[in-house]
Amino acid sequence: FTTIINSLKNLGKSYANQELVRKILRCLPKSWTLKLAAIEEAKDLSTLPLEQLLGSLMTHETTMKNHENVEVKKKKAIAFKASKEDSESDEDGNVALITSQFK
């Protein structure tokens, strides 16, 4: 977004800070609705600097990713299946014991 805005400035087209803030808020996905509502209620959008908005959105995105990672880690589980092997001789039993300890 900032790259496009800077390129437009170089071409002679500039936007007011308020317009840029509204454009960013307008393009947020639906999953950001709660954050959008919180920003609109807590901040005066006519005076909110673009950098502050971007910082707030990046912080929120990082927090969301951290929560997703924690949830994924909690969901991962390992199940082991127990099996018992009968050996015909004592020597086979010793080899199986050594093999299982080696693994």
C-alpha atoms as a PDB file:
ATOM      1  CA  PHE A   1       0.000   0.000   0.000  1.00  0.00           C
ATOM      2  CA  THR A   2       2.716   2.446   0.938  1.00  0.00           C
ATOM      3  CA  THR A   3       4.651   1.588  -2.225  1.00  0.00           C
ATOM      4  CA  ILE A   4       1.604   2.410  -4.349  1.00  0.00           C
ATOM      5  CA  ILE A   5       0.973   5.645  -2.448  1.00  0.00           C
ATOM      6  CA  ASN A   6       4.605   6.714  -2.842  1.00  0.00           C
ATOM      7  CA  SER A   7       4.511   5.921  -6.560  1.00  0.00           C
ATOM      8  CA  LEU A   8       1.348   7.995  -6.936  1.00  0.00           C
ATOM      9  CA  LYS A   9       3.034  10.905  -5.145  1.00  0.00           C
ATOM     10  CA  ASN A  10       5.914  10.677  -7.616  1.00  0.00           C
ATOM     11  CA  LEU A  11       3.381  10.897 -10.442  1.00  0.00           C
ATOM     12  CA  GLY A  12       1.775  13.981  -8.898  1.00  0.00           C
ATOM     13  CA  LYS A  13      -1.302  12.394  -7.267  1.00  0.00           C
ATOM     14  CA  SER A  14      -1.503  12.630  -3.505  1.00  0.00           C
ATOM     15  CA  TYR A  15      -4.160  11.725  -0.964  1.00  0.00           C
ATOM     16  CA  ALA A  16      -4.941  13.219   2.426  1.00  0.00           C
ATOM     17  CA  ASN A  17      -4.043  11.096   5.458  1.00  0.00           C
ATOM     18  CA  GLN A  18      -7.734  10.690   6.291  1.00  0.00           C
ATOM     19  CA  GLU A  19      -8.433   9.233   2.833  1.00  0.00           C
ATOM     20  CA  LEU A  20      -5.562   6.756   3.157  1.00  0.00           C
ATOM     21  CA  VAL A  21      -6.758   5.594   6.581  1.00  0.00           C
ATOM     22  CA  ARG A  22     -10.297   5.068   5.280  1.00  0.00           C
ATOM     23  CA  LYS A  23      -9.019   3.166   2.212  1.00  0.00           C
ATOM     24  CA  ILE A  24      -7.063   0.745   4.379  1.00  0.00           C
ATOM     25  CA  LEU A  25      -9.952   0.211   6.791  1.00  0.00           C
ATOM     26  CA  ARG A  26     -12.336  -0.355   3.903  1.00  0.00           C
ATOM     27  CA  CYS A  27     -10.226  -3.145   2.368  1.00  0.00           C
ATOM     28  CA  LEU A  28      -9.824  -5.212   5.544  1.00  0.00           C
ATOM     29  CA  PRO A  29     -11.315  -8.735   5.383  1.00  0.00           C
ATOM     30  CA  LYS A  30     -14.416  -9.685   7.395  1.00  0.00           C
ATOM     31  CA  SER A  31     -12.313 -11.501   9.989  1.00  0.00           C
ATOM     32  CA  TRP A  32     -11.038  -8.069  11.060  1.00  0.00           C
ATOM     33  CA  THR A  33     -14.510  -6.627  11.738  1.00  0.00           C
ATOM     34  CA  LEU A  34     -14.043  -6.539  15.509  1.00  0.00           C
ATOM     35  CA  LYS A  35     -10.678  -4.784  15.241  1.00  0.00           C
ATOM     36  CA  LEU A  36     -12.138  -2.333  12.738  1.00  0.00           C
ATOM     37  CA  ALA A  37     -15.005  -1.491  15.087  1.00  0.00           C
ATOM     38  CA  ALA A  38     -12.601  -1.030  17.996  1.00  0.00           C
ATOM     39  CA  ILE A  39     -10.392   1.339  15.990  1.00  0.00           C
ATOM     40  CA  GLU A  40     -13.355   3.372  14.744  1.00  0.00           C
ATOM     41  CA  GLU A  41     -14.743   3.775  18.271  1.00  0.00           C
ATOM     42  CA  ALA A  42     -11.461   4.424  20.051  1.00  0.00           C
ATOM     43  CA  LYS A  43      -9.717   6.699  17.553  1.00  0.00           C
ATOM     44  CA  ASP A  44     -10.580   9.848  15.671  1.00  0.00           C
ATOM     45  CA  LEU A  45     -10.096   8.687  12.090  1.00  0.00           C
ATOM     46  CA  SER A  46      -9.735  12.238  10.813  1.00  0.00           C
ATOM     47  CA  THR A  47      -6.555  12.725  12.862  1.00  0.00           C
ATOM     48  CA  LEU A  48      -5.253   9.139  13.064  1.00  0.00           C
ATOM     49  CA  PRO A  49      -1.814   8.948  11.419  1.00  0.00           C
ATOM     50  CA  LEU A  50      -1.428   6.242   8.779  1.00  0.00           C
ATOM     51  CA  GLU A  51       1.700   4.890  10.486  1.00  0.00           C
ATOM     52  CA  GLN A  52      -0.158   4.435  13.773  1.00  0.00           C
ATOM     53  CA  LEU A  53      -2.983   2.584  12.018  1.00  0.00           C
ATOM     54  CA  LEU A  54      -0.553   0.283  10.199  1.00  0.00           C
ATOM     55  CA  GLY A  55       1.308  -0.407  13.448  1.00  0.00           C
ATOM     56  CA  SER A  56      -1.927  -1.281  15.222  1.00  0.00           C
ATOM     57  CA  LEU A  57      -3.021  -3.598  12.414  1.00  0.00           C
ATOM     58  CA  MET A  58       0.376  -5.324  12.266  1.00  0.00           C
ATOM     59  CA  THR A  59       0.321  -5.872  16.033  1.00  0.00           C
ATOM     60  CA  HIS A  60      -3.161  -7.362  15.790  1.00  0.00           C
ATOM     61  CA  GLU A  61      -2.080  -9.640  12.930  1.00  0.00           C
ATOM     62  CA  THR A  62       0.903 -10.896  14.922  1.00  0.00           C
ATOM     63  CA  THR A  63      -1.310 -11.575  17.932  1.00  0.00           C
ATOM     64  CA  MET A  64      -3.782 -13.502  15.773  1.00  0.00           C
ATOM     65  CA  LYS A  65      -0.979 -15.635  14.302  1.00  0.00           C
ATOM     66  CA  ASN A  66       0.420 -16.379  17.767  1.00  0.00           C
ATOM     67  CA  HIS A  67      -3.007 -17.516  18.974  1.00  0.00           C
ATOM     68  CA  GLU A  68      -3.389 -19.758  15.913  1.00  0.00           C
ATOM     69  CA  ASN A  69       0.026 -21.330  16.557  1.00  0.00           C
ATOM     70  CA  VAL A  70      -0.864 -22.028  20.189  1.00  0.00           C
ATOM     71  CA  GLU A  71      -4.161 -23.630  19.164  1.00  0.00           C
ATOM     72  CA  VAL A  72      -2.426 -25.816  16.567  1.00  0.00           C
ATOM     73  CA  LYS A  73       0.154 -26.964  19.115  1.00  0.00           C
ATOM     74  CA  LYS A  74      -2.611 -27.850  21.597  1.00  0.00           C
ATOM     75  CA  LYS A  75      -4.471 -29.896  18.982  1.00  0.00           C
ATOM     76  CA  LYS A  76      -1.476 -32.014  18.007  1.00  0.00           C
ATOM     77  CA  ALA A  77      -1.485 -35.350  19.795  1.00  0.00           C
ATOM     78  CA  ILE A  78       0.468 -38.529  19.370  1.00  0.00           C
ATOM     79  CA  ALA A  79      -1.081 -41.938  19.839  1.00  0.00           C
ATOM     80  CA  PHE A  80       0.969 -45.064  20.268  1.00  0.00           C
ATOM     81  CA  LYS A  81      -0.257 -48.545  19.601  1.00  0.00           C
ATOM     82  CA  ALA A  82       1.014 -51.195  21.963  1.00  0.00           C
ATOM     83  CA  SER A  83       1.921 -54.573  20.633  1.00  0.00           C
ATOM     84  CA  LYS A  84       3.445 -57.605  22.221  1.00  0.00           C
ATOM     85  CA  GLU A  85       5.665 -59.953  20.319  1.00  0.00           C
ATOM     86  CA  ASP A  86       6.079 -63.518  21.500  1.00  0.00           C
ATOM     87  CA  SER A  87       9.544 -64.915  20.955  1.00  0.00           C
ATOM     88  CA  GLU A  88      10.239 -68.570  20.488  1.00  0.00           C
ATOM     89  CA  SER A  89      13.556 -68.527  22.239  1.00  0.00           C
ATOM     90  CA  ASP A  90      15.305 -66.539  24.929  1.00  0.00           C
ATOM     91  CA  GLU A  91      17.870 -65.291  22.397  1.00  0.00           C
ATOM     92  CA  ASP A  92      15.139 -63.751  20.239  1.00  0.00           C
ATOM     93  CA  GLY A  93      13.850 -62.019  23.372  1.00  0.00           C
ATOM     94  CA  ASN A  94      17.271 -60.510  24.050  1.00  0.00           C
ATOM     95  CA  VAL A  95      17.605 -59.292  20.453  1.00  0.00           C
ATOM     96  CA  ALA A  96      14.121 -57.732  20.638  1.00  0.00           C
ATOM     97  CA  LEU A  97      15.009 -56.027  23.922  1.00  0.00           C
ATOM     98  CA  ILE A  98      18.229 -54.603  22.513  1.00  0.00           C
ATOM     99  CA  THR A  99      16.422 -53.482  19.356  1.00  0.00           C
ATOM    100  CA  SER A 100      13.664 -51.720  21.304  1.00  0.00           C
ATOM    101  CA  GLN A 101      16.217 -49.977  23.530  1.00  0.00           C
ATOM    102  CA  PHE A 102      18.197 -48.916  20.484  1.00  0.00           C
ATOM    103  CA  LYS A 103      15.166 -47.308  18.847  1.00  0.00           C
END
